Amino acid sequence: MFGFIHESIRQLICRNYGEDTWIQVLEKSGFENGKENIVNHYYSDTDTYVLVDSVSLVIKVTKDQVWEMYGAFLITYSMEIGWDELVRSMSPNLKGFLDNLDSLHYFIDHVVYKANLRGPSFRCEENSEGDLLLHYFTGRPGLYPIVKGVVREVAKRVFDLDINLVVQGRTQRSVHMNNGERVEEHVVFLIKNIGESRRDSDGSHASLLTSSNSNFPEILDDTLQMSLDDFSRALPYHFVIDESCKLVQCGSELHNHIPNELLQPGTPILRIFEINRPQIPLDFENICNFINAVFVLQVKTSPLKKKLMDAMSQEELKQEV
């Protein structure tokens, strides 16, 4: 894990338990003082788990409690060191904030630290009772208490909400990746508002989990108000797939980069692209689960291969004529 995590854990312990306690943690974990919190260094997951195990033993709380404490402190610490405006500008409501966490992780990974980190993914939905269901997907099982701490602190600090958050479901499955097999964990959190509704300046009540801000009007009709041709012109690099992950349609510009033969309706998308991010198998279920993630796909065919395949297709057409 990234060194920033180690440094923020150090800050958490030093502020709440004192520097002597942190020295005990280092002695128990085997880290040399000063080498455990290099912010731009990438530590193995094992190193981080050993550090947290040592914190748990020294301050005499469970590992889950350590991770939850860390999640809450992470928000406080991040906002102290300059991330305050970014965090507050992510969304006018808690649901939008949670839906934007994937984009935040991508920004931190690829823009701030320019690293290819293996971050989690989040998807949020509102149930019939107005509560939120937060879906959390990760390749690092057991870290879900961090989410509990983060969400509670964000709700309180950013949105002035008092919420109750419980784990409603937790499952694991083995997935096959290009670099081997890994365990993916899916945790579902139920988020309920347990405080009183705020009253806006105009006297109306605002839901604590949605926004009543007039700058974000409610969309009553989600029908796409444009023709297929307009859609294709507006998004020349788009493509649409069905539930079998087979191509339905694509934008015109893709024909400049991908052989025409592969852009015919019904072509399996895995024949056209390989997925670089998120690190998941490219199937319909995963696309839905990671719908808020930034997807980075790479064309499988090289420019030379495209040229050859297009030439062969043209030759076959001439022979048919």
C-alpha atoms as a PDB file:
ATOM      1  CA  MET A   1       0.000   0.000   0.000  1.00  0.00           C
ATOM      2  CA  PHE A   2       1.056   3.582  -0.553  1.00  0.00           C
ATOM      3  CA  GLY A   3       3.241   5.228   2.082  1.00  0.00           C
ATOM      4  CA  PHE A   4       0.647   7.928   2.713  1.00  0.00           C
ATOM      5  CA  ILE A   5      -1.417   5.265   4.478  1.00  0.00           C
ATOM      6  CA  HIS A   6       1.478   4.472   6.808  1.00  0.00           C
ATOM      7  CA  GLU A   7       2.059   8.148   7.542  1.00  0.00           C
ATOM      8  CA  SER A   8      -1.606   8.780   8.319  1.00  0.00           C
ATOM      9  CA  ILE A   9      -1.656   5.731  10.626  1.00  0.00           C
ATOM     10  CA  ARG A  10       1.384   7.184  12.402  1.00  0.00           C
ATOM     11  CA  GLN A  11      -0.373  10.528  12.752  1.00  0.00           C
ATOM     12  CA  LEU A  12      -3.455   8.804  14.163  1.00  0.00           C
ATOM     13  CA  ILE A  13      -1.513   6.948  16.851  1.00  0.00           C
ATOM     14  CA  CYS A  14       0.813   9.809  17.795  1.00  0.00           C
ATOM     15  CA  ARG A  15      -2.046  12.273  18.181  1.00  0.00           C
ATOM     16  CA  ASN A  16      -4.301   9.975  20.180  1.00  0.00           C
ATOM     17  CA  TYR A  17      -1.858   7.783  22.104  1.00  0.00           C
ATOM     18  CA  GLY A  18       1.477   9.606  22.026  1.00  0.00           C
ATOM     19  CA  GLU A  19       4.794   9.079  20.262  1.00  0.00           C
ATOM     20  CA  ASP A  20       5.959   6.518  22.826  1.00  0.00           C
ATOM     21  CA  THR A  21       3.079   4.290  21.778  1.00  0.00           C
ATOM     22  CA  TRP A  22       4.145   4.599  18.151  1.00  0.00           C
ATOM     23  CA  ILE A  23       7.683   3.560  19.086  1.00  0.00           C
ATOM     24  CA  GLN A  24       6.200   0.436  20.683  1.00  0.00           C
ATOM     25  CA  VAL A  25       4.288  -0.245  17.468  1.00  0.00           C
ATOM     26  CA  LEU A  26       7.490   0.018  15.433  1.00  0.00           C
ATOM     27  CA  GLU A  27       9.353  -2.316  17.776  1.00  0.00           C
ATOM     28  CA  LYS A  28       6.604  -4.913  17.576  1.00  0.00           C
ATOM     29  CA  SER A  29       6.235  -4.644  13.789  1.00  0.00           C
ATOM     30  CA  GLY A  30       9.983  -4.678  13.081  1.00  0.00           C
ATOM     31  CA  PHE A  31      10.045  -1.346  11.254  1.00  0.00           C
ATOM     32  CA  GLU A  32      12.994   0.983  11.657  1.00  0.00           C
ATOM     33  CA  ASN A  33      11.960   4.406  12.932  1.00  0.00           C
ATOM     34  CA  GLY A  34      11.738   6.833  10.015  1.00  0.00           C
ATOM     35  CA  LYS A  35      11.483   4.151   7.342  1.00  0.00           C
ATOM     36  CA  GLU A  36       7.910   3.112   8.056  1.00  0.00           C
ATOM     37  CA  ASN A  37       6.208   6.255   6.751  1.00  0.00           C
ATOM     38  CA  ILE A  38       7.897   7.311   3.494  1.00  0.00           C
ATOM     39  CA  VAL A  39       4.917   8.952   1.800  1.00  0.00           C
ATOM     40  CA  ASN A  40       5.827   8.215  -1.833  1.00  0.00           C
ATOM     41  CA  HIS A  41       7.063   4.683  -1.164  1.00  0.00           C
ATOM     42  CA  TYR A  42       4.942   1.656  -2.023  1.00  0.00           C
ATOM     43  CA  TYR A  43       4.844  -0.860   0.824  1.00  0.00           C
ATOM     44  CA  SER A  44       3.676  -4.422   0.384  1.00  0.00           C
ATOM     45  CA  ASP A  45       0.236  -5.245   1.745  1.00  0.00           C
ATOM     46  CA  THR A  46       1.943  -7.602   4.185  1.00  0.00           C
ATOM     47  CA  ASP A  47       3.971  -4.716   5.641  1.00  0.00           C
ATOM     48  CA  THR A  48       0.817  -2.669   6.158  1.00  0.00           C
ATOM     49  CA  TYR A  49      -1.059  -5.556   7.759  1.00  0.00           C
ATOM     50  CA  VAL A  50       1.860  -6.197  10.127  1.00  0.00           C
ATOM     51  CA  LEU A  51       1.841  -2.519  11.092  1.00  0.00           C
ATOM     52  CA  VAL A  52      -1.903  -2.552  11.808  1.00  0.00           C
ATOM     53  CA  ASP A  53      -1.633  -5.856  13.707  1.00  0.00           C
ATOM     54  CA  SER A  54       1.016  -4.238  15.899  1.00  0.00           C
ATOM     55  CA  VAL A  55      -1.166  -1.173  16.503  1.00  0.00           C
ATOM     56  CA  SER A  56      -3.992  -3.493  17.524  1.00  0.00           C
ATOM     57  CA  LEU A  57      -1.812  -5.330  20.042  1.00  0.00           C
ATOM     58  CA  VAL A  58      -0.233  -2.204  21.519  1.00  0.00           C
ATOM     59  CA  ILE A  59      -3.406  -0.142  22.034  1.00  0.00           C
ATOM     60  CA  LYS A  60      -5.462  -3.266  22.853  1.00  0.00           C
ATOM     61  CA  VAL A  61      -8.299  -2.967  20.349  1.00  0.00           C
ATOM     62  CA  THR A  62      -9.340  -5.268  17.502  1.00  0.00           C
ATOM     63  CA  LYS A  63      -7.920  -4.886  14.008  1.00  0.00           C
ATOM     64  CA  ASP A  64     -11.383  -3.961  12.733  1.00  0.00           C
ATOM     65  CA  GLN A  65     -11.521  -1.161  15.294  1.00  0.00           C
ATOM     66  CA  VAL A  66      -8.096   0.073  14.182  1.00  0.00           C
ATOM     67  CA  TRP A  67      -9.199   0.183  10.544  1.00  0.00           C
ATOM     68  CA  GLU A  68     -12.433   1.982  11.420  1.00  0.00           C
ATOM     69  CA  MET A  69     -10.557   4.534  13.533  1.00  0.00           C
ATOM     70  CA  TYR A  70      -8.175   4.986  10.640  1.00  0.00           C
ATOM     71  CA  GLY A  71     -11.029   5.555   8.164  1.00  0.00           C
ATOM     72  CA  ALA A  72     -12.467   8.371  10.275  1.00  0.00           C
ATOM     73  CA  PHE A  73      -9.054   9.916  10.878  1.00  0.00           C
ATOM     74  CA  LEU A  74      -8.161   9.681   7.181  1.00  0.00           C
ATOM     75  CA  ILE A  75     -10.892  12.194   6.341  1.00  0.00           C
ATOM     76  CA  THR A  76      -9.847  14.548   9.136  1.00  0.00           C
ATOM     77  CA  TYR A  77      -6.167  14.347   8.236  1.00  0.00           C
ATOM     78  CA  SER A  78      -6.715  14.671   4.475  1.00  0.00           C
ATOM     79  CA  MET A  79      -8.816  17.793   4.930  1.00  0.00           C
ATOM     80  CA  GLU A  80      -6.177  19.275   7.231  1.00  0.00           C
ATOM     81  CA  ILE A  81      -3.367  18.889   4.701  1.00  0.00           C
ATOM     82  CA  GLY A  82      -5.093  20.572   1.770  1.00  0.00           C
ATOM     83  CA  TRP A  83      -7.833  18.289   0.458  1.00  0.00           C
ATOM     84  CA  ASP A  84     -10.662  20.162   2.166  1.00  0.00           C
ATOM     85  CA  GLU A  85     -12.010  22.024  -0.880  1.00  0.00           C
ATOM     86  CA  LEU A  86     -11.815  18.979  -3.127  1.00  0.00           C
ATOM     87  CA  VAL A  87     -13.695  16.795  -0.643  1.00  0.00           C
ATOM     88  CA  ARG A  88     -16.403  19.413  -0.125  1.00  0.00           C
ATOM     89  CA  SER A  89     -16.839  20.048  -3.851  1.00  0.00           C
ATOM     90  CA  MET A  90     -17.334  16.414  -4.858  1.00  0.00           C
ATOM     91  CA  SER A  91     -21.118  16.459  -4.468  1.00  0.00           C
ATOM     92  CA  PRO A  92     -23.979  18.380  -2.850  1.00  0.00           C
ATOM     93  CA  ASN A  93     -25.146  15.205  -1.092  1.00  0.00           C
ATOM     94  CA  LEU A  94     -23.816  12.037   0.497  1.00  0.00           C
ATOM     95  CA  LYS A  95     -25.018   9.696  -2.246  1.00  0.00           C
ATOM     96  CA  GLY A  96     -23.233  11.715  -4.913  1.00  0.00           C
ATOM     97  CA  PHE A  97     -20.082  11.808  -2.800  1.00  0.00           C
ATOM     98  CA  LEU A  98     -20.055   8.028  -2.479  1.00  0.00           C
ATOM     99  CA  ASP A  99     -20.711   7.584  -6.196  1.00  0.00           C
ATOM    100  CA  ASN A 100     -17.734   9.844  -6.951  1.00  0.00           C
ATOM    101  CA  LEU A 101     -15.246   7.948  -4.781  1.00  0.00           C
ATOM    102  CA  ASP A 102     -14.035   5.911  -7.756  1.00  0.00           C
ATOM    103  CA  SER A 103     -13.169   9.085  -9.659  1.00  0.00           C
ATOM    104  CA  LEU A 104     -11.397  10.438  -6.581  1.00  0.00           C
ATOM    105  CA  HIS A 105      -9.280   7.285  -6.315  1.00  0.00           C
ATOM    106  CA  TYR A 106      -8.425   7.510 -10.004  1.00  0.00           C
ATOM    107  CA  PHE A 107      -7.414  11.179  -9.627  1.00  0.00           C
ATOM    108  CA  ILE A 108      -5.188  10.417  -6.636  1.00  0.00           C
ATOM    109  CA  ASP A 109      -3.616   7.362  -8.278  1.00  0.00           C
ATOM    110  CA  HIS A 110      -2.949   8.762 -11.739  1.00  0.00           C
ATOM    111  CA  VAL A 111      -2.696  12.533 -11.288  1.00  0.00           C
ATOM    112  CA  VAL A 112      -1.396  13.176  -7.776  1.00  0.00           C
ATOM    113  CA  TYR A 113       0.932  10.221  -7.226  1.00  0.00           C
ATOM    114  CA  LYS A 114       1.133   8.946 -10.828  1.00  0.00           C
ATOM    115  CA  ALA A 115       0.913   5.378  -9.601  1.00  0.00           C
ATOM    116  CA  ASN A 116      -1.112   2.410 -10.780  1.00  0.00           C
ATOM    117  CA  LEU A 117      -2.580   1.495  -7.415  1.00  0.00           C
ATOM    118  CA  ARG A 118      -5.161  -1.222  -6.890  1.00  0.00           C
ATOM    119  CA  GLY A 119      -7.968   0.767  -5.303  1.00  0.00           C
ATOM    120  CA  PRO A 120     -11.518  -0.244  -4.358  1.00  0.00           C
ATOM    121  CA  SER A 121     -14.736   0.575  -6.178  1.00  0.00           C
ATOM    122  CA  PHE A 122     -18.038   1.923  -4.867  1.00  0.00           C
ATOM    123  CA  ARG A 123     -21.621   1.966  -6.091  1.00  0.00           C
ATOM    124  CA  CYS A 124     -24.501   3.599  -4.236  1.00  0.00           C
ATOM    125  CA  GLU A 125     -28.246   3.193  -4.611  1.00  0.00           C
ATOM    126  CA  GLU A 126     -31.285   4.497  -2.775  1.00  0.00           C
ATOM    127  CA  ASN A 127     -33.863   1.974  -1.570  1.00  0.00           C
ATOM    128  CA  SER A 128     -37.636   2.401  -1.359  1.00  0.00           C
ATOM    129  CA  GLU A 129     -37.418   3.757   2.192  1.00  0.00           C
ATOM    130  CA  GLY A 130     -35.014   6.544   1.253  1.00  0.00           C
ATOM    131  CA  ASP A 131     -32.002   4.850   2.830  1.00  0.00           C
ATOM    132  CA  LEU A 132     -28.758   4.195   0.990  1.00  0.00           C
ATOM    133  CA  LEU A 133     -27.189   0.896   0.024  1.00  0.00           C
ATOM    134  CA  LEU A 134     -23.460   1.262  -0.525  1.00  0.00           C
ATOM    135  CA  HIS A 135     -21.737  -1.515  -2.476  1.00  0.00           C
ATOM    136  CA  TYR A 136     -18.012  -1.793  -1.820  1.00  0.00           C
ATOM    137  CA  PHE A 137     -15.791  -3.967  -4.023  1.00  0.00           C
ATOM    138  CA  THR A 138     -12.161  -4.646  -3.232  1.00  0.00           C
ATOM    139  CA  GLY A 139      -9.351  -7.045  -3.979  1.00  0.00           C
ATOM    140  CA  ARG A 140      -8.165  -6.647  -0.373  1.00  0.00           C
ATOM    141  CA  PRO A 141     -10.615  -8.566   1.831  1.00  0.00           C
ATOM    142  CA  GLY A 142     -11.074  -7.424   5.415  1.00  0.00           C
ATOM    143  CA  LEU A 143     -10.576  -3.679   4.971  1.00  0.00           C
ATOM    144  CA  TYR A 144     -14.271  -2.775   4.931  1.00  0.00           C
ATOM    145  CA  PRO A 145     -14.145  -1.181   8.441  1.00  0.00           C
ATOM    146  CA  ILE A 146     -12.180   1.662   6.806  1.00  0.00           C
ATOM    147  CA  VAL A 147     -15.293   2.440   4.773  1.00  0.00           C
ATOM    148  CA  LYS A 148     -17.409   2.620   7.930  1.00  0.00           C
ATOM    149  CA  GLY A 149     -15.069   5.183   9.442  1.00  0.00           C
ATOM    150  CA  VAL A 150     -14.772   7.216   6.239  1.00  0.00           C
ATOM    151  CA  VAL A 151     -18.514   7.387   5.560  1.00  0.00           C
ATOM    152  CA  ARG A 152     -19.456   8.312   9.126  1.00  0.00           C
ATOM    153  CA  GLU A 153     -16.844  11.068   9.253  1.00  0.00           C
ATOM    154  CA  VAL A 154     -17.746  12.474   5.826  1.00  0.00           C
ATOM    155  CA  ALA A 155     -21.443  12.450   6.711  1.00  0.00           C
ATOM    156  CA  LYS A 156     -20.769  14.376   9.911  1.00  0.00           C
ATOM    157  CA  ARG A 157     -17.992  16.711   8.788  1.00  0.00           C
ATOM    158  CA  VAL A 158     -19.043  17.526   5.218  1.00  0.00           C
ATOM    159  CA  PHE A 159     -22.820  17.057   5.162  1.00  0.00           C
ATOM    160  CA  ASP A 160     -23.716  17.637   8.825  1.00  0.00           C
ATOM    161  CA  LEU A 161     -25.501  14.289   8.978  1.00  0.00           C
ATOM    162  CA  ASP A 162     -25.958  11.823  11.796  1.00  0.00           C
ATOM    163  CA  ILE A 163     -26.124   8.370  10.233  1.00  0.00           C
ATOM    164  CA  ASN A 164     -26.275   4.742  11.234  1.00  0.00           C
ATOM    165  CA  LEU A 165     -24.188   2.418   9.081  1.00  0.00           C
ATOM    166  CA  VAL A 166     -24.334  -1.372   9.295  1.00  0.00           C
ATOM    167  CA  VAL A 167     -22.968  -4.205   7.188  1.00  0.00           C
ATOM    168  CA  GLN A 168     -25.924  -5.853   5.471  1.00  0.00           C
ATOM    169  CA  GLY A 169     -24.002  -8.415   3.443  1.00  0.00           C
ATOM    170  CA  ARG A 170     -20.476  -9.604   2.792  1.00  0.00           C
ATOM    171  CA  THR A 171     -19.409 -12.095   0.131  1.00  0.00           C
ATOM    172  CA  GLN A 172     -16.157 -13.185  -1.465  1.00  0.00           C
ATOM    173  CA  ARG A 173     -15.416 -14.820  -4.780  1.00  0.00           C
ATOM    174  CA  SER A 174     -12.357 -15.927  -6.673  1.00  0.00           C
ATOM    175  CA  VAL A 175     -11.744 -14.146  -9.977  1.00  0.00           C
ATOM    176  CA  HIS A 176      -9.247 -14.945 -12.710  1.00  0.00           C
ATOM    177  CA  MET A 177      -7.041 -12.058 -13.806  1.00  0.00           C
ATOM    178  CA  ASN A 178      -4.313 -11.769 -16.431  1.00  0.00           C
ATOM    179  CA  ASN A 179      -1.728 -11.923 -13.642  1.00  0.00           C
ATOM    180  CA  GLY A 180      -3.354 -14.820 -11.802  1.00  0.00           C
ATOM    181  CA  GLU A 181      -6.233 -15.492  -9.460  1.00  0.00           C
ATOM    182  CA  ARG A 182      -7.358 -13.216  -6.641  1.00  0.00           C
ATOM    183  CA  VAL A 183     -10.147 -12.958  -4.085  1.00  0.00           C
ATOM    184  CA  GLU A 184     -12.636 -10.140  -4.570  1.00  0.00           C
ATOM    185  CA  GLU A 185     -14.795  -9.024  -1.654  1.00  0.00           C
ATOM    186  CA  HIS A 186     -18.213  -7.395  -1.988  1.00  0.00           C
ATOM    187  CA  VAL A 187     -19.617  -5.683   1.100  1.00  0.00           C
ATOM    188  CA  VAL A 188     -23.040  -4.029   1.238  1.00  0.00           C
ATOM    189  CA  PHE A 189     -23.607  -1.264   3.799  1.00  0.00           C
ATOM    190  CA  LEU A 190     -27.030   0.038   4.811  1.00  0.00           C
ATOM    191  CA  ILE A 191     -26.898   3.757   5.606  1.00  0.00           C
ATOM    192  CA  LYS A 192     -29.774   5.270   7.571  1.00  0.00           C
ATOM    193  CA  ASN A 193     -30.337   8.816   8.715  1.00  0.00           C
ATOM    194  CA  ILE A 194     -30.852   8.901  12.485  1.00  0.00           C
ATOM    195  CA  GLY A 195     -30.847  12.689  12.896  1.00  0.00           C
ATOM    196  CA  GLU A 196     -33.570  15.248  12.337  1.00  0.00           C
ATOM    197  CA  SER A 197     -34.043  16.716   8.887  1.00  0.00           C
ATOM    198  CA  ARG A 198     -32.424  20.059   8.348  1.00  0.00           C
ATOM    199  CA  ARG A 199     -34.649  22.990   7.526  1.00  0.00           C
ATOM    200  CA  ASP A 200     -33.583  25.144   4.614  1.00  0.00           C
ATOM    201  CA  SER A 201     -33.722  28.938   4.676  1.00  0.00           C
ATOM    202  CA  ASP A 202     -37.041  28.856   2.825  1.00  0.00           C
ATOM    203  CA  GLY A 203     -38.543  26.650   5.526  1.00  0.00           C
ATOM    204  CA  SER A 204     -38.663  23.448   3.490  1.00  0.00           C
ATOM    205  CA  HIS A 205     -37.230  20.204   4.746  1.00  0.00           C
ATOM    206  CA  ALA A 206     -34.294  18.642   2.950  1.00  0.00           C
ATOM    207  CA  SER A 207     -33.620  14.946   2.865  1.00  0.00           C
ATOM    208  CA  LEU A 208     -30.329  14.171   4.534  1.00  0.00           C
ATOM    209  CA  LEU A 209     -29.358  11.720   1.816  1.00  0.00           C
ATOM    210  CA  THR A 210     -30.372  13.756  -1.226  1.00  0.00           C
ATOM    211  CA  SER A 211     -30.043  17.397  -2.199  1.00  0.00           C
ATOM    212  CA  SER A 212     -32.730  20.048  -2.352  1.00  0.00           C
ATOM    213  CA  ASN A 213     -30.314  22.561  -3.878  1.00  0.00           C
ATOM    214  CA  SER A 214     -32.038  24.340  -6.778  1.00  0.00           C
ATOM    215  CA  ASN A 215     -28.776  24.212  -8.713  1.00  0.00           C
ATOM    216  CA  PHE A 216     -29.221  20.438  -8.911  1.00  0.00           C
ATOM    217  CA  PRO A 217     -32.823  20.039 -10.117  1.00  0.00           C
ATOM    218  CA  GLU A 218     -34.495  16.662  -9.953  1.00  0.00           C
ATOM    219  CA  ILE A 219     -34.549  14.864 -13.294  1.00  0.00           C
ATOM    220  CA  LEU A 220     -38.063  13.586 -13.880  1.00  0.00           C
ATOM    221  CA  ASP A 221     -37.531  12.149 -17.366  1.00  0.00           C
ATOM    222  CA  ASP A 222     -34.337  10.233 -18.058  1.00  0.00           C
ATOM    223  CA  THR A 223     -35.164   9.527 -21.706  1.00  0.00           C
ATOM    224  CA  LEU A 224     -32.247  10.348 -23.994  1.00  0.00           C
ATOM    225  CA  GLN A 225     -33.400  13.357 -26.001  1.00  0.00           C
ATOM    226  CA  MET A 226     -31.319  12.814 -29.137  1.00  0.00           C
ATOM    227  CA  SER A 227     -31.356  10.636 -32.211  1.00  0.00           C
ATOM    228  CA  LEU A 228     -28.917   7.796 -32.838  1.00  0.00           C
ATOM    229  CA  ASP A 229     -27.082   9.906 -35.431  1.00  0.00           C
ATOM    230  CA  ASP A 230     -26.780  12.840 -33.026  1.00  0.00           C
ATOM    231  CA  PHE A 231     -25.555  10.501 -30.305  1.00  0.00           C
ATOM    232  CA  SER A 232     -22.896   9.052 -32.602  1.00  0.00           C
ATOM    233  CA  ARG A 233     -21.717  12.500 -33.663  1.00  0.00           C
ATOM    234  CA  ALA A 234     -21.575  13.721 -30.078  1.00  0.00           C
ATOM    235  CA  LEU A 235     -19.702  10.606 -28.910  1.00  0.00           C
ATOM    236  CA  PRO A 236     -17.647   9.380 -31.876  1.00  0.00           C
ATOM    237  CA  TYR A 237     -15.624   6.968 -29.720  1.00  0.00           C
ATOM    238  CA  HIS A 238     -18.566   5.338 -27.950  1.00  0.00           C
ATOM    239  CA  PHE A 239     -19.602   1.720 -28.161  1.00  0.00           C
ATOM    240  CA  VAL A 240     -22.643  -0.153 -26.883  1.00  0.00           C
ATOM    241  CA  ILE A 241     -22.674  -3.805 -25.810  1.00  0.00           C
ATOM    242  CA  ASP A 242     -25.413  -6.224 -24.808  1.00  0.00           C
ATOM    243  CA  GLU A 243     -25.581  -8.445 -21.711  1.00  0.00           C
ATOM    244  CA  SER A 244     -23.389 -11.015 -23.455  1.00  0.00           C
ATOM    245  CA  CYS A 245     -20.735  -8.314 -23.896  1.00  0.00           C
ATOM    246  CA  LYS A 246     -21.160  -8.385 -27.662  1.00  0.00           C
ATOM    247  CA  LEU A 247     -20.991  -5.230 -29.738  1.00  0.00           C
ATOM    248  CA  VAL A 248     -24.299  -3.557 -30.628  1.00  0.00           C
ATOM    249  CA  GLN A 249     -23.072  -0.284 -32.130  1.00  0.00           C
ATOM    250  CA  CYS A 250     -20.055   2.018 -32.083  1.00  0.00           C
ATOM    251  CA  GLY A 251     -18.975   5.536 -32.973  1.00  0.00           C
ATOM    252  CA  SER A 252     -17.500   6.352 -36.359  1.00  0.00           C
ATOM    253  CA  GLU A 253     -14.035   7.296 -35.077  1.00  0.00           C
ATOM    254  CA  LEU A 254     -13.377   3.796 -33.775  1.00  0.00           C
ATOM    255  CA  HIS A 255     -13.147   2.672 -37.410  1.00  0.00           C
ATOM    256  CA  ASN A 256      -9.943   4.720 -37.691  1.00  0.00           C
ATOM    257  CA  HIS A 257      -8.272   2.637 -34.985  1.00  0.00           C
ATOM    258  CA  ILE A 258      -9.894  -0.798 -35.078  1.00  0.00           C
ATOM    259  CA  PRO A 259     -10.332  -3.150 -38.063  1.00  0.00           C
ATOM    260  CA  ASN A 260     -13.794  -2.889 -39.595  1.00  0.00           C
ATOM    261  CA  GLU A 261     -14.168  -6.650 -39.331  1.00  0.00           C
ATOM    262  CA  LEU A 262     -14.074  -6.407 -35.523  1.00  0.00           C
ATOM    263  CA  LEU A 263     -16.604  -3.581 -35.358  1.00  0.00           C
ATOM    264  CA  GLN A 264     -19.469  -5.611 -36.742  1.00  0.00           C
ATOM    265  CA  PRO A 265     -22.490  -6.093 -34.441  1.00  0.00           C
ATOM    266  CA  GLY A 266     -22.187  -9.321 -32.476  1.00  0.00           C
ATOM    267  CA  THR A 267     -18.405  -9.217 -32.050  1.00  0.00           C
ATOM    268  CA  PRO A 268     -17.393 -10.152 -28.472  1.00  0.00           C
ATOM    269  CA  ILE A 269     -15.907  -7.082 -26.842  1.00  0.00           C
ATOM    270  CA  LEU A 270     -12.968  -9.173 -25.603  1.00  0.00           C
ATOM    271  CA  ARG A 271     -11.872  -9.608 -29.222  1.00  0.00           C
ATOM    272  CA  ILE A 272     -11.559  -5.837 -29.526  1.00  0.00           C
ATOM    273  CA  PHE A 273     -10.270  -4.594 -26.162  1.00  0.00           C
ATOM    274  CA  GLU A 274      -8.342  -5.690 -23.133  1.00  0.00           C
ATOM    275  CA  ILE A 275      -9.034  -3.957 -19.840  1.00  0.00           C
ATOM    276  CA  ASN A 276      -6.282  -2.075 -18.005  1.00  0.00           C
ATOM    277  CA  ARG A 277      -8.444  -0.536 -15.294  1.00  0.00           C
ATOM    278  CA  PRO A 278     -10.228  -1.467 -13.106  1.00  0.00           C
ATOM    279  CA  GLN A 279      -8.459  -4.773 -12.608  1.00  0.00           C
ATOM    280  CA  ILE A 280     -11.490  -6.998 -13.126  1.00  0.00           C
ATOM    281  CA  PRO A 281     -12.633  -9.623 -15.620  1.00  0.00           C
ATOM    282  CA  LEU A 282     -14.450  -7.811 -18.423  1.00  0.00           C
ATOM    283  CA  ASP A 283     -17.962  -9.222 -18.176  1.00  0.00           C
ATOM    284  CA  PHE A 284     -21.411  -7.657 -17.842  1.00  0.00           C
ATOM    285  CA  GLU A 285     -21.787  -8.332 -14.111  1.00  0.00           C
ATOM    286  CA  ASN A 286     -18.476  -6.664 -13.306  1.00  0.00           C
ATOM    287  CA  ILE A 287     -19.253  -3.693 -15.536  1.00  0.00           C
ATOM    288  CA  CYS A 288     -22.483  -3.149 -13.584  1.00  0.00           C
ATOM    289  CA  ASN A 289     -20.747  -3.626 -10.233  1.00  0.00           C
ATOM    290  CA  PHE A 290     -18.013  -1.142 -11.123  1.00  0.00           C
ATOM    291  CA  ILE A 291     -20.285   1.254 -13.018  1.00  0.00           C
ATOM    292  CA  ASN A 292     -18.783   4.326 -11.292  1.00  0.00           C
ATOM    293  CA  ALA A 293     -15.185   3.316 -11.955  1.00  0.00           C
ATOM    294  CA  VAL A 294     -13.009   4.897 -14.626  1.00  0.00           C
ATOM    295  CA  PHE A 295     -12.580   2.192 -17.274  1.00  0.00           C
ATOM    296  CA  VAL A 296      -9.373   2.199 -19.307  1.00  0.00           C
ATOM    297  CA  LEU A 297      -9.448  -0.139 -22.304  1.00  0.00           C
ATOM    298  CA  GLN A 298      -6.674  -0.888 -24.749  1.00  0.00           C
ATOM    299  CA  VAL A 299      -7.237  -1.872 -28.371  1.00  0.00           C
ATOM    300  CA  LYS A 300      -5.837  -5.332 -29.012  1.00  0.00           C
ATOM    301  CA  THR A 301      -4.904  -4.770 -32.656  1.00  0.00           C
ATOM    302  CA  SER A 302      -1.863  -2.727 -33.659  1.00  0.00           C
ATOM    303  CA  PRO A 303      -2.115  -0.094 -36.445  1.00  0.00           C
ATOM    304  CA  LEU A 304      -0.228  -2.428 -38.787  1.00  0.00           C
ATOM    305  CA  LYS A 305      -2.535  -5.339 -38.046  1.00  0.00           C
ATOM    306  CA  LYS A 306      -5.563  -3.094 -38.607  1.00  0.00           C
ATOM    307  CA  LYS A 307      -4.196  -2.070 -41.995  1.00  0.00           C
ATOM    308  CA  LEU A 308      -3.624  -5.695 -42.990  1.00  0.00           C
ATOM    309  CA  MET A 309      -7.049  -6.855 -41.795  1.00  0.00           C
ATOM    310  CA  ASP A 310      -8.838  -4.011 -43.585  1.00  0.00           C
ATOM    311  CA  ALA A 311      -6.902  -4.773 -46.778  1.00  0.00           C
ATOM    312  CA  MET A 312      -7.853  -8.449 -46.549  1.00  0.00           C
ATOM    313  CA  SER A 313     -11.503  -7.524 -46.031  1.00  0.00           C
ATOM    314  CA  GLN A 314     -11.451  -5.286 -49.104  1.00  0.00           C
ATOM    315  CA  GLU A 315      -9.848  -8.045 -51.156  1.00  0.00           C
ATOM    316  CA  GLU A 316     -12.519 -10.523 -50.068  1.00  0.00           C
ATOM    317  CA  LEU A 317     -15.247  -8.066 -51.083  1.00  0.00           C
ATOM    318  CA  LYS A 318     -13.689  -7.642 -54.529  1.00  0.00           C
ATOM    319  CA  GLN A 319     -13.559 -11.402 -55.002  1.00  0.00           C
ATOM    320  CA  GLU A 320     -17.231 -11.725 -54.069  1.00  0.00           C
ATOM    321  CA  VAL A 321     -18.150  -9.072 -56.640  1.00  0.00           C
END
